[in-house]
Amino acid sequence: MAFLNWLRRPGEQEDAADLGISLEDDEQDSTPEAASAGARRPSANKAPAGPDDYDAVAAIEAHIRWKAKLESRLFGTNSRPLVADQVFRDNRCPLGRWIYARGSLRFGTSNTYADLKRYNAEFHRYAGQAVLAFNSGQREEAIHMVTTGEYTRASTRVQQTLARLFAEAEQRQQH
């Protein structure tokens, strides 16, 4: 399978409603679609997704969607607290669930996989710190935390490591 096929498989994308962060007053999170955490919607012409189905673009997009939803709450006018405990946990977002389940099955012995797991946990640590600042009324500090510094670098490391992980898998498959 070519690397570009790993990058994008039509019809196999993470459910956009399931972003993995608990937002108490977000009506979208209380929909039946959101309740089916981790569910993927394969295309009608394809078999259900299996343990090897996540690709680099879908993984990166899942990370970006989760991050965007968190940031939209921090930057928005809604001041209700976020659930910091959920944000700190690196296995609650769609990417984190994949890392601890299907990703572990496929890449568990890879050094790059270990890096990805560490970087995702690091990213959630910084995201959780921003949420704690937000919840304590330090909205401007929370915004500063997610627009500069370690949070941003950790997010970039997650995305770069995902691309490297799938590129390495493609190289191994070709040999």
Protein backbone atom coordinates (compact mmCIF):
# COMPACT_ATOMS: atom_id res chain seq x y z
CA MET A 1 0.00 0.00 0.00
CA ALA A 2 1.45 3.36 -0.99
CA PHE A 3 2.12 5.99 1.66
CA LEU A 4 -0.53 8.28 0.13
CA ASN A 5 -3.11 5.55 0.66
CA TRP A 6 -2.11 5.50 4.32
CA LEU A 7 -2.64 9.23 4.43
CA ARG A 8 -6.21 9.25 3.23
CA ARG A 9 -8.73 6.49 2.84
CA PRO A 10 -12.05 7.77 1.48
CA GLY A 11 -15.01 6.95 3.69
CA GLU A 12 -12.98 6.10 6.78
CA GLN A 13 -12.94 9.18 9.02
CA GLU A 14 -13.39 9.65 12.73
CA ASP A 15 -16.87 10.78 13.76
CA ALA A 16 -16.51 14.57 13.99
CA ALA A 17 -18.98 14.79 16.87
CA ASP A 18 -16.76 12.63 19.08
CA LEU A 19 -13.89 14.90 20.06
CA GLY A 20 -13.18 13.28 23.38
CA ILE A 21 -13.44 16.25 25.73
CA SER A 22 -16.23 16.63 28.19
CA LEU A 23 -17.87 20.01 27.83
CA GLU A 24 -20.69 20.28 30.35
CA ASP A 25 -22.91 22.64 28.38
CA ASP A 26 -22.05 21.66 24.83
CA GLU A 27 -25.32 20.37 23.40
CA GLN A 28 -23.51 18.66 20.55
CA ASP A 29 -21.76 16.35 23.02
CA SER A 30 -25.11 15.04 24.28
CA THR A 31 -26.22 13.79 20.87
CA PRO A 32 -26.53 10.07 20.15
CA GLU A 33 -23.59 10.38 17.75
CA ALA A 34 -21.36 11.69 20.52
CA ALA A 35 -22.53 8.92 22.83
CA SER A 36 -21.04 6.33 20.50
CA ALA A 37 -17.50 7.20 21.59
CA GLY A 38 -14.87 5.78 19.32
CA ALA A 39 -17.34 4.69 16.68
CA ARG A 40 -16.19 5.07 13.11
CA ARG A 41 -18.44 5.23 10.13
CA PRO A 42 -17.01 3.17 7.31
CA SER A 43 -18.40 3.77 3.87
CA ALA A 44 -21.33 1.65 2.76
CA ASN A 45 -19.10 -0.23 0.31
CA LYS A 46 -16.43 -1.17 2.85
CA ALA A 47 -16.22 -3.65 5.67
CA PRO A 48 -16.14 -2.28 9.21
CA ALA A 49 -12.85 -0.81 10.31
CA GLY A 50 -10.29 -3.21 11.74
CA PRO A 51 -7.22 -2.90 13.96
CA ASP A 52 -5.05 -1.52 11.15
CA ASP A 53 -7.54 1.02 9.79
CA TYR A 54 -6.31 4.35 11.22
CA ASP A 55 -4.20 6.36 8.81
CA ALA A 56 -1.88 9.32 9.30
CA VAL A 57 -4.26 12.00 8.04
CA ALA A 58 -7.20 10.67 10.06
CA ALA A 59 -5.04 10.54 13.18
CA ILE A 60 -3.71 14.06 12.66
CA GLU A 61 -7.20 15.36 11.86
CA ALA A 62 -8.58 13.77 15.04
CA HIS A 63 -5.90 15.56 17.07
CA ILE A 64 -6.56 18.87 15.33
CA ARG A 65 -10.36 18.62 15.79
CA TRP A 66 -10.01 17.87 19.50
CA LYS A 67 -7.57 20.75 19.91
CA ALA A 68 -9.83 23.13 17.94
CA LYS A 69 -12.85 22.28 20.08
CA LEU A 70 -10.92 22.87 23.28
CA GLU A 71 -9.54 26.17 22.00
CA SER A 72 -12.95 27.34 20.79
CA ARG A 73 -14.22 26.98 24.36
CA LEU A 74 -11.24 28.87 25.78
CA PHE A 75 -11.51 31.66 23.20
CA GLY A 76 -15.32 31.84 23.19
CA THR A 77 -17.74 33.76 25.36
CA ASN A 78 -18.85 30.71 27.34
CA SER A 79 -17.20 30.84 30.77
CA ARG A 80 -18.58 27.62 32.25
CA PRO A 81 -15.80 25.38 33.55
CA LEU A 82 -14.35 22.61 31.44
CA VAL A 83 -13.72 19.19 32.98
CA ALA A 84 -9.97 19.39 33.57
CA ASP A 85 -9.73 15.76 34.67
CA GLN A 86 -10.93 14.66 31.23
CA VAL A 87 -8.53 16.97 29.39
CA PHE A 88 -5.49 15.79 31.38
CA ARG A 89 -6.18 12.16 30.44
CA ASP A 90 -4.32 11.31 27.24
CA ASN A 91 -6.49 8.27 26.54
CA ARG A 92 -9.82 10.15 26.31
CA CYS A 93 -9.43 11.92 22.96
CA PRO A 94 -9.95 9.94 19.72
CA LEU A 95 -6.21 9.82 19.05
CA GLY A 96 -5.47 8.71 22.60
CA ARG A 97 -8.03 5.91 22.38
CA TRP A 98 -6.35 4.75 19.18
CA ILE A 99 -2.87 4.98 20.73
CA TYR A 100 -3.88 2.79 23.68
CA ALA A 101 -5.86 0.28 21.60
CA ARG A 102 -5.39 -0.24 17.86
CA GLY A 103 -2.17 1.77 17.69
CA SER A 104 -0.62 -0.31 20.44
CA LEU A 105 -1.51 -3.51 18.63
CA ARG A 106 0.05 -2.34 15.42
CA PHE A 107 3.01 -0.23 16.52
CA GLY A 108 3.59 -1.15 20.18
CA THR A 109 7.22 -2.18 19.70
CA SER A 110 8.21 0.90 17.71
CA ASN A 111 10.35 3.62 19.27
CA THR A 112 8.39 6.17 17.24
CA TYR A 113 5.16 4.81 18.74
CA ALA A 114 6.65 5.27 22.23
CA ASP A 115 7.52 8.86 21.27
CA LEU A 116 3.97 9.45 20.03
CA LYS A 117 2.48 8.12 23.24
CA ARG A 118 4.79 10.35 25.31
CA TYR A 119 4.12 13.45 23.17
CA ASN A 120 0.35 12.97 23.30
CA ALA A 121 0.51 12.67 27.10
CA GLU A 122 2.68 15.79 27.22
CA PHE A 123 0.21 17.67 25.01
CA HIS A 124 -2.67 16.72 27.34
CA ARG A 125 -0.67 17.85 30.36
CA TYR A 126 -0.29 21.32 28.84
CA ALA A 127 -3.93 21.37 27.70
CA GLY A 128 -5.04 20.41 31.20
CA GLN A 129 -2.95 23.20 32.71
CA ALA A 130 -4.66 25.69 30.38
CA VAL A 131 -8.06 24.36 31.44
CA LEU A 132 -7.15 24.73 35.11
CA ALA A 133 -6.19 28.36 34.44
CA PHE A 134 -9.45 28.89 32.55
CA ASN A 135 -11.52 27.32 35.32
CA SER A 136 -9.86 29.52 37.96
CA GLY A 137 -10.87 32.65 36.07
CA GLN A 138 -7.54 33.24 34.36
CA ARG A 139 -8.96 33.21 30.83
CA GLU A 140 -6.23 35.39 29.30
CA GLU A 141 -3.53 33.17 30.82
CA ALA A 142 -5.27 30.07 29.44
CA ILE A 143 -5.42 31.63 25.98
CA HIS A 144 -1.75 32.56 26.21
CA MET A 145 -0.90 28.99 27.22
CA VAL A 146 -2.58 27.47 24.15
CA THR A 147 -1.32 30.01 21.64
CA THR A 148 2.35 29.93 22.60
CA GLY A 149 4.91 27.78 24.29
CA GLU A 150 4.90 24.13 25.20
CA TYR A 151 1.27 23.38 24.32
CA THR A 152 1.87 24.46 20.73
CA ARG A 153 5.21 22.63 20.50
CA ALA A 154 3.70 19.46 21.97
CA SER A 155 0.87 19.54 19.43
CA THR A 156 3.35 19.93 16.59
CA ARG A 157 5.42 17.01 17.94
CA VAL A 158 2.29 14.82 18.01
CA GLN A 159 1.50 15.61 14.38
CA GLN A 160 5.08 15.16 13.17
CA THR A 161 5.47 11.90 15.05
CA LEU A 162 2.24 10.53 13.59
CA ALA A 163 3.50 11.25 10.08
CA ARG A 164 6.86 9.64 10.91
CA LEU A 165 5.17 6.57 12.44
CA PHE A 166 3.13 5.85 9.32
CA ALA A 167 6.05 6.63 6.99
CA GLU A 168 8.21 4.12 8.88
CA ALA A 169 5.45 1.53 8.67
CA GLU A 170 5.27 2.06 4.91
CA GLN A 171 9.03 1.65 4.58
CA ARG A 172 8.98 -1.59 6.59
CA GLN A 173 6.16 -2.92 4.45
CA GLN A 174 8.10 -2.23 1.24
CA HIS A 175 11.15 -4.19 2.45
